[in-house]
Amino acid sequence: MKPYSVDLREKIISVYEAENTSIRKVAERFKVSKNTVQNLVKRKREKGTLEPSVATGGKPSQLSGYSQQIEQMVAEHLDYTLAEYCEYWEEKTGVRLSESAMCRFLQKQKLTLKKNSTK
C-alpha cells in the first residue's frame, strides 16, 4: 500500500492542531484510521517532518549469493523446466525451493529462456 501524500498528512496535522479537536474526530473527517492520526502526530513531534519513511524491502532470496552457480546450472541444463531446476538445486545443495522462488531469481538474473517445442 502506498503511503499517504505529504499534502494530506499536513492537512490532517493542521486540522488537529488548529481546531484543538480529538484524534478520533480528525480521523473521521479525513476517513483515515485513528492510529494513522496518532502516528502522524507522533512523527511530527519526534522527527519534525511528515515525510514517509523509505521502504526497506522484503526478505532476500534464498539464492542470493549463488548467482554463478545458478548461471552454470542453467548453462549446463538449457532444456530444464522450473520444477527440474528446483529438483536439481535441492539435490546439489540440499536447499528446497519453490518454482516461483526459482523463477523470480532467474528473472532478476535475466536467465529466462524460451522453451522450444519439438516439431
N, C-alpha and C. Protein backbone atom coordinates (compact mmCIF):
# COMPACT_ATOMS: atom_id res chain seq x y z
N MET A 1 0.83 -1.17 0.00
CA MET A 1 0.00 0.00 0.00
C MET A 1 0.88 1.24 0.00
N LYS A 2 0.52 2.20 -0.82
CA LYS A 2 1.32 3.42 -0.92
C LYS A 2 1.06 4.31 0.31
N PRO A 3 2.06 5.07 0.73
CA PRO A 3 1.87 5.97 1.86
C PRO A 3 0.98 7.15 1.48
N TYR A 4 0.34 7.73 2.48
CA TYR A 4 -0.46 8.93 2.24
C TYR A 4 0.45 10.06 1.77
N SER A 5 -0.08 10.93 0.93
CA SER A 5 0.71 12.04 0.41
C SER A 5 1.09 12.99 1.54
N VAL A 6 2.18 13.72 1.34
CA VAL A 6 2.63 14.69 2.34
C VAL A 6 1.58 15.78 2.50
N ASP A 7 0.92 16.14 1.41
CA ASP A 7 -0.12 17.16 1.45
C ASP A 7 -1.25 16.75 2.39
N LEU A 8 -1.73 15.51 2.25
CA LEU A 8 -2.80 15.02 3.13
C LEU A 8 -2.31 14.95 4.57
N ARG A 9 -1.10 14.50 4.77
CA ARG A 9 -0.54 14.44 6.12
C ARG A 9 -0.51 15.82 6.78
N GLU A 10 -0.09 16.82 6.00
CA GLU A 10 -0.04 18.19 6.54
C GLU A 10 -1.43 18.71 6.87
N LYS A 11 -2.41 18.41 6.02
CA LYS A 11 -3.80 18.83 6.28
C LYS A 11 -4.32 18.20 7.57
N ILE A 12 -4.06 16.92 7.75
CA ILE A 12 -4.52 16.23 8.96
C ILE A 12 -3.92 16.87 10.20
N ILE A 13 -2.62 17.13 10.18
CA ILE A 13 -1.94 17.72 11.34
C ILE A 13 -2.41 19.15 11.58
N SER A 14 -2.57 19.91 10.50
CA SER A 14 -3.01 21.30 10.69
C SER A 14 -4.41 21.37 11.27
N VAL A 15 -5.32 20.51 10.83
CA VAL A 15 -6.67 20.49 11.39
C VAL A 15 -6.61 20.05 12.85
N TYR A 16 -5.81 19.04 13.15
CA TYR A 16 -5.69 18.56 14.53
C TYR A 16 -5.16 19.66 15.45
N GLU A 17 -4.14 20.39 15.00
CA GLU A 17 -3.54 21.44 15.83
C GLU A 17 -4.40 22.70 15.90
N ALA A 18 -4.98 23.10 14.77
CA ALA A 18 -5.73 24.36 14.71
C ALA A 18 -7.07 24.28 15.43
N GLU A 19 -7.77 23.20 15.24
CA GLU A 19 -9.12 23.10 15.80
C GLU A 19 -9.14 22.54 17.20
N ASN A 20 -8.00 22.10 17.70
CA ASN A 20 -7.92 21.57 19.05
C ASN A 20 -9.03 20.54 19.28
N THR A 21 -9.10 19.59 18.38
CA THR A 21 -10.14 18.57 18.42
C THR A 21 -9.53 17.21 18.71
N SER A 22 -10.36 16.22 18.87
CA SER A 22 -9.86 14.88 19.20
C SER A 22 -9.31 14.19 17.95
N ILE A 23 -8.43 13.24 18.21
CA ILE A 23 -7.84 12.46 17.14
C ILE A 23 -8.92 11.67 16.41
N ARG A 24 -9.87 11.16 17.15
CA ARG A 24 -10.95 10.37 16.55
C ARG A 24 -11.77 11.19 15.57
N LYS A 25 -12.07 12.45 15.91
CA LYS A 25 -12.86 13.31 15.01
C LYS A 25 -12.07 13.67 13.75
N VAL A 26 -10.78 13.91 13.91
CA VAL A 26 -9.94 14.21 12.75
C VAL A 26 -9.89 12.98 11.84
N ALA A 27 -9.77 11.81 12.43
CA ALA A 27 -9.73 10.58 11.65
C ALA A 27 -11.03 10.38 10.87
N GLU A 28 -12.15 10.64 11.50
CA GLU A 28 -13.45 10.52 10.82
C GLU A 28 -13.56 11.53 9.68
N ARG A 29 -13.10 12.74 9.91
CA ARG A 29 -13.19 13.80 8.91
C ARG A 29 -12.39 13.46 7.64
N PHE A 30 -11.20 12.90 7.82
CA PHE A 30 -10.34 12.59 6.68
C PHE A 30 -10.46 11.13 6.22
N LYS A 31 -11.33 10.37 6.88
CA LYS A 31 -11.56 8.96 6.53
C LYS A 31 -10.27 8.14 6.58
N VAL A 32 -9.54 8.32 7.66
CA VAL A 32 -8.35 7.52 7.93
C VAL A 32 -8.53 6.90 9.31
N SER A 33 -7.67 5.99 9.68
CA SER A 33 -7.79 5.36 11.00
C SER A 33 -7.27 6.28 12.10
N LYS A 34 -7.74 6.01 13.28
CA LYS A 34 -7.29 6.77 14.45
C LYS A 34 -5.79 6.59 14.65
N ASN A 35 -5.30 5.37 14.40
CA ASN A 35 -3.86 5.10 14.54
C ASN A 35 -3.03 5.91 13.56
N THR A 36 -3.57 6.15 12.36
CA THR A 36 -2.85 6.96 11.38
C THR A 36 -2.63 8.36 11.91
N VAL A 37 -3.68 8.95 12.46
CA VAL A 37 -3.56 10.31 13.01
C VAL A 37 -2.59 10.32 14.19
N GLN A 38 -2.70 9.33 15.06
CA GLN A 38 -1.78 9.25 16.21
C GLN A 38 -0.34 9.13 15.74
N ASN A 39 -0.10 8.29 14.74
CA ASN A 39 1.26 8.12 14.23
C ASN A 39 1.79 9.39 13.57
N LEU A 40 0.92 10.11 12.86
CA LEU A 40 1.35 11.37 12.24
C LEU A 40 1.70 12.41 13.29
N VAL A 41 0.89 12.50 14.34
CA VAL A 41 1.18 13.45 15.43
C VAL A 41 2.51 13.09 16.09
N LYS A 42 2.71 11.81 16.33
CA LYS A 42 3.95 11.34 16.95
C LYS A 42 5.15 11.62 16.04
N ARG A 43 5.01 11.35 14.74
CA ARG A 43 6.09 11.59 13.78
C ARG A 43 6.45 13.07 13.74
N LYS A 44 5.45 13.94 13.71
CA LYS A 44 5.68 15.39 13.67
C LYS A 44 6.41 15.85 14.93
N ARG A 45 5.99 15.32 16.08
CA ARG A 45 6.59 15.70 17.36
C ARG A 45 8.03 15.20 17.47
N GLU A 46 8.27 13.93 17.10
CA GLU A 46 9.58 13.33 17.30
C GLU A 46 10.59 13.65 16.19
N LYS A 47 10.14 13.64 14.94
CA LYS A 47 11.08 13.82 13.82
C LYS A 47 11.00 15.20 13.19
N GLY A 48 9.91 15.92 13.45
CA GLY A 48 9.77 17.25 12.90
C GLY A 48 9.38 17.28 11.44
N THR A 49 9.07 16.14 10.88
CA THR A 49 8.69 16.05 9.47
C THR A 49 7.55 15.05 9.31
N LEU A 50 6.83 15.20 8.22
CA LEU A 50 5.74 14.28 7.92
C LEU A 50 6.05 13.41 6.71
N GLU A 51 7.27 13.50 6.21
CA GLU A 51 7.68 12.69 5.06
C GLU A 51 7.59 11.21 5.42
N PRO A 52 7.10 10.39 4.48
CA PRO A 52 7.04 8.95 4.76
C PRO A 52 8.44 8.34 4.82
N SER A 53 8.59 7.28 5.58
CA SER A 53 9.87 6.59 5.67
C SER A 53 10.15 5.86 4.36
N VAL A 54 11.41 5.61 4.11
CA VAL A 54 11.81 4.88 2.92
C VAL A 54 11.48 3.40 3.14
N ALA A 55 10.91 2.77 2.12
CA ALA A 55 10.60 1.35 2.21
C ALA A 55 11.90 0.56 2.32
N THR A 56 11.91 -0.42 3.21
CA THR A 56 13.14 -1.17 3.45
C THR A 56 13.24 -2.43 2.62
N GLY A 57 12.18 -2.83 1.96
CA GLY A 57 12.24 -4.02 1.12
C GLY A 57 11.83 -5.26 1.86
N GLY A 58 11.86 -6.35 1.16
CA GLY A 58 11.41 -7.60 1.73
C GLY A 58 12.54 -8.53 2.10
N LYS A 59 12.18 -9.75 2.21
CA LYS A 59 13.12 -10.80 2.59
C LYS A 59 14.01 -11.15 1.39
N PRO A 60 15.31 -11.28 1.60
CA PRO A 60 16.20 -11.61 0.48
C PRO A 60 15.96 -13.05 0.00
N SER A 61 16.27 -13.31 -1.25
CA SER A 61 16.10 -14.63 -1.83
C SER A 61 17.05 -15.63 -1.18
N GLN A 62 16.61 -16.88 -1.13
CA GLN A 62 17.47 -17.95 -0.63
C GLN A 62 18.64 -18.18 -1.57
N LEU A 63 18.50 -17.70 -2.80
CA LEU A 63 19.53 -17.92 -3.81
C LEU A 63 20.52 -16.78 -3.92
N SER A 64 20.31 -15.70 -3.16
CA SER A 64 21.26 -14.59 -3.26
C SER A 64 22.64 -15.07 -2.83
N GLY A 65 23.63 -14.72 -3.62
CA GLY A 65 24.98 -15.17 -3.37
C GLY A 65 25.35 -16.41 -4.17
N TYR A 66 24.38 -16.98 -4.86
CA TYR A 66 24.63 -18.18 -5.66
C TYR A 66 24.46 -17.93 -7.15
N SER A 67 24.60 -16.69 -7.58
CA SER A 67 24.30 -16.37 -8.98
C SER A 67 25.22 -17.11 -9.96
N GLN A 68 26.49 -17.28 -9.61
CA GLN A 68 27.40 -18.01 -10.52
C GLN A 68 27.00 -19.48 -10.65
N GLN A 69 26.63 -20.10 -9.52
CA GLN A 69 26.22 -21.50 -9.57
C GLN A 69 24.93 -21.66 -10.36
N ILE A 70 24.02 -20.70 -10.22
CA ILE A 70 22.75 -20.75 -10.97
C ILE A 70 23.03 -20.58 -12.46
N GLU A 71 23.88 -19.62 -12.81
CA GLU A 71 24.25 -19.42 -14.22
C GLU A 71 24.84 -20.69 -14.80
N GLN A 72 25.70 -21.34 -14.05
CA GLN A 72 26.33 -22.58 -14.51
C GLN A 72 25.28 -23.68 -14.68
N MET A 73 24.34 -23.77 -13.73
CA MET A 73 23.28 -24.78 -13.80
C MET A 73 22.43 -24.57 -15.06
N VAL A 74 22.07 -23.31 -15.33
CA VAL A 74 21.24 -23.01 -16.50
C VAL A 74 22.02 -23.29 -17.78
N ALA A 75 23.30 -22.95 -17.80
CA ALA A 75 24.11 -23.19 -19.00
C ALA A 75 24.25 -24.68 -19.29
N GLU A 76 24.37 -25.48 -18.25
CA GLU A 76 24.53 -26.92 -18.43
C GLU A 76 23.22 -27.62 -18.80
N HIS A 77 22.10 -27.07 -18.32
CA HIS A 77 20.80 -27.73 -18.49
C HIS A 77 19.79 -26.75 -19.09
N LEU A 78 20.00 -26.38 -20.34
CA LEU A 78 19.15 -25.39 -21.01
C LEU A 78 17.71 -25.83 -21.17
N ASP A 79 17.47 -27.13 -21.24
CA ASP A 79 16.13 -27.61 -21.52
C ASP A 79 15.33 -27.97 -20.26
N TYR A 80 15.85 -27.67 -19.08
CA TYR A 80 15.13 -27.98 -17.84
C TYR A 80 13.93 -27.06 -17.65
N THR A 81 12.92 -27.58 -16.99
CA THR A 81 11.78 -26.76 -16.57
C THR A 81 12.09 -26.20 -15.19
N LEU A 82 11.24 -25.32 -14.70
CA LEU A 82 11.45 -24.76 -13.36
C LEU A 82 11.46 -25.87 -12.31
N ALA A 83 10.55 -26.82 -12.44
CA ALA A 83 10.49 -27.92 -11.48
C ALA A 83 11.79 -28.71 -11.49
N GLU A 84 12.33 -28.94 -12.67
CA GLU A 84 13.59 -29.68 -12.77
C GLU A 84 14.76 -28.88 -12.21
N TYR A 85 14.76 -27.57 -12.43
CA TYR A 85 15.80 -26.73 -11.83
C TYR A 85 15.73 -26.81 -10.31
N CYS A 86 14.53 -26.76 -9.76
CA CYS A 86 14.37 -26.82 -8.30
C CYS A 86 14.84 -28.17 -7.76
N GLU A 87 14.48 -29.23 -8.46
CA GLU A 87 14.88 -30.57 -8.05
C GLU A 87 16.40 -30.71 -8.11
N TYR A 88 17.00 -30.24 -9.20
CA TYR A 88 18.45 -30.29 -9.36
C TYR A 88 19.14 -29.49 -8.24
N TRP A 89 18.62 -28.31 -7.95
CA TRP A 89 19.22 -27.45 -6.92
C TRP A 89 19.14 -28.12 -5.55
N GLU A 90 18.01 -28.78 -5.27
CA GLU A 90 17.87 -29.46 -3.98
C GLU A 90 18.86 -30.62 -3.87
N GLU A 91 19.03 -31.37 -4.96
CA GLU A 91 19.99 -32.47 -4.95
C GLU A 91 21.42 -31.96 -4.75
N LYS A 92 21.74 -30.84 -5.38
CA LYS A 92 23.09 -30.29 -5.34
C LYS A 92 23.42 -29.64 -4.01
N THR A 93 22.46 -28.87 -3.44
CA THR A 93 22.75 -28.07 -2.24
C THR A 93 22.00 -28.50 -0.99
N GLY A 94 20.90 -29.24 -1.17
CA GLY A 94 20.08 -29.61 -0.02
C GLY A 94 19.05 -28.55 0.34
N VAL A 95 19.00 -27.47 -0.42
CA VAL A 95 18.05 -26.38 -0.17
C VAL A 95 16.85 -26.56 -1.08
N ARG A 96 15.68 -26.70 -0.48
CA ARG A 96 14.45 -26.88 -1.25
C ARG A 96 13.86 -25.52 -1.59
N LEU A 97 13.51 -25.33 -2.85
CA LEU A 97 12.94 -24.06 -3.33
C LEU A 97 11.62 -24.30 -4.03
N SER A 98 10.77 -23.30 -3.98
CA SER A 98 9.54 -23.36 -4.77
C SER A 98 9.87 -22.94 -6.20
N GLU A 99 9.02 -23.33 -7.12
CA GLU A 99 9.22 -22.95 -8.51
C GLU A 99 9.14 -21.43 -8.68
N SER A 100 8.25 -20.80 -7.91
CA SER A 100 8.11 -19.34 -8.02
C SER A 100 9.37 -18.62 -7.53
N ALA A 101 10.01 -19.14 -6.48
CA ALA A 101 11.26 -18.53 -5.99
C ALA A 101 12.36 -18.66 -7.03
N MET A 102 12.44 -19.83 -7.65
CA MET A 102 13.44 -20.04 -8.70
C MET A 102 13.16 -19.13 -9.89
N CYS A 103 11.90 -19.02 -10.27
CA CYS A 103 11.51 -18.18 -11.41
C CYS A 103 11.87 -16.72 -11.16
N ARG A 104 11.55 -16.21 -9.97
CA ARG A 104 11.87 -14.82 -9.63
C ARG A 104 13.37 -14.57 -9.71
N PHE A 105 14.16 -15.51 -9.17
CA PHE A 105 15.60 -15.33 -9.18
C PHE A 105 16.14 -15.35 -10.61
N LEU A 106 15.66 -16.29 -11.41
CA LEU A 106 16.11 -16.36 -12.80
C LEU A 106 15.74 -15.10 -13.58
N GLN A 107 14.57 -14.56 -13.31
CA GLN A 107 14.15 -13.33 -13.98
C GLN A 107 15.03 -12.16 -13.58
N LYS A 108 15.35 -12.06 -12.29
CA LYS A 108 16.22 -10.97 -11.83
C LYS A 108 17.62 -11.07 -12.43
N GLN A 109 18.07 -12.31 -12.64
CA GLN A 109 19.39 -12.53 -13.23
C GLN A 109 19.34 -12.51 -14.76
N LYS A 110 18.15 -12.31 -15.32
CA LYS A 110 17.93 -12.30 -16.77
C LYS A 110 18.40 -13.62 -17.41
N LEU A 111 18.04 -14.72 -16.75
CA LEU A 111 18.41 -16.04 -17.23
C LEU A 111 17.20 -16.83 -17.74
N THR A 112 16.15 -16.14 -18.13
CA THR A 112 14.97 -16.83 -18.61
C THR A 112 15.17 -17.27 -20.04
N LEU A 113 14.64 -18.42 -20.35
CA LEU A 113 14.78 -18.97 -21.70
C LEU A 113 13.42 -19.35 -22.23
N LYS A 114 13.22 -19.15 -23.50
CA LYS A 114 12.01 -19.57 -24.17
C LYS A 114 12.21 -21.04 -24.53
N LYS A 115 11.32 -21.89 -24.07
CA LYS A 115 11.42 -23.31 -24.36
C LYS A 115 10.93 -23.57 -25.78
N ASN A 116 11.68 -24.35 -26.52
CA ASN A 116 11.30 -24.71 -27.89
C ASN A 116 10.50 -26.00 -27.87
N SER A 117 9.40 -26.01 -28.54
CA SER A 117 8.63 -27.24 -28.63
C SER A 117 9.20 -28.09 -29.75
N THR A 118 9.22 -29.39 -29.54
CA THR A 118 9.76 -30.27 -30.58
C THR A 118 8.73 -30.45 -31.68
N LYS A 119 9.19 -30.41 -32.90
CA LYS A 119 8.27 -30.50 -34.03
C LYS A 119 8.34 -31.84 -34.70
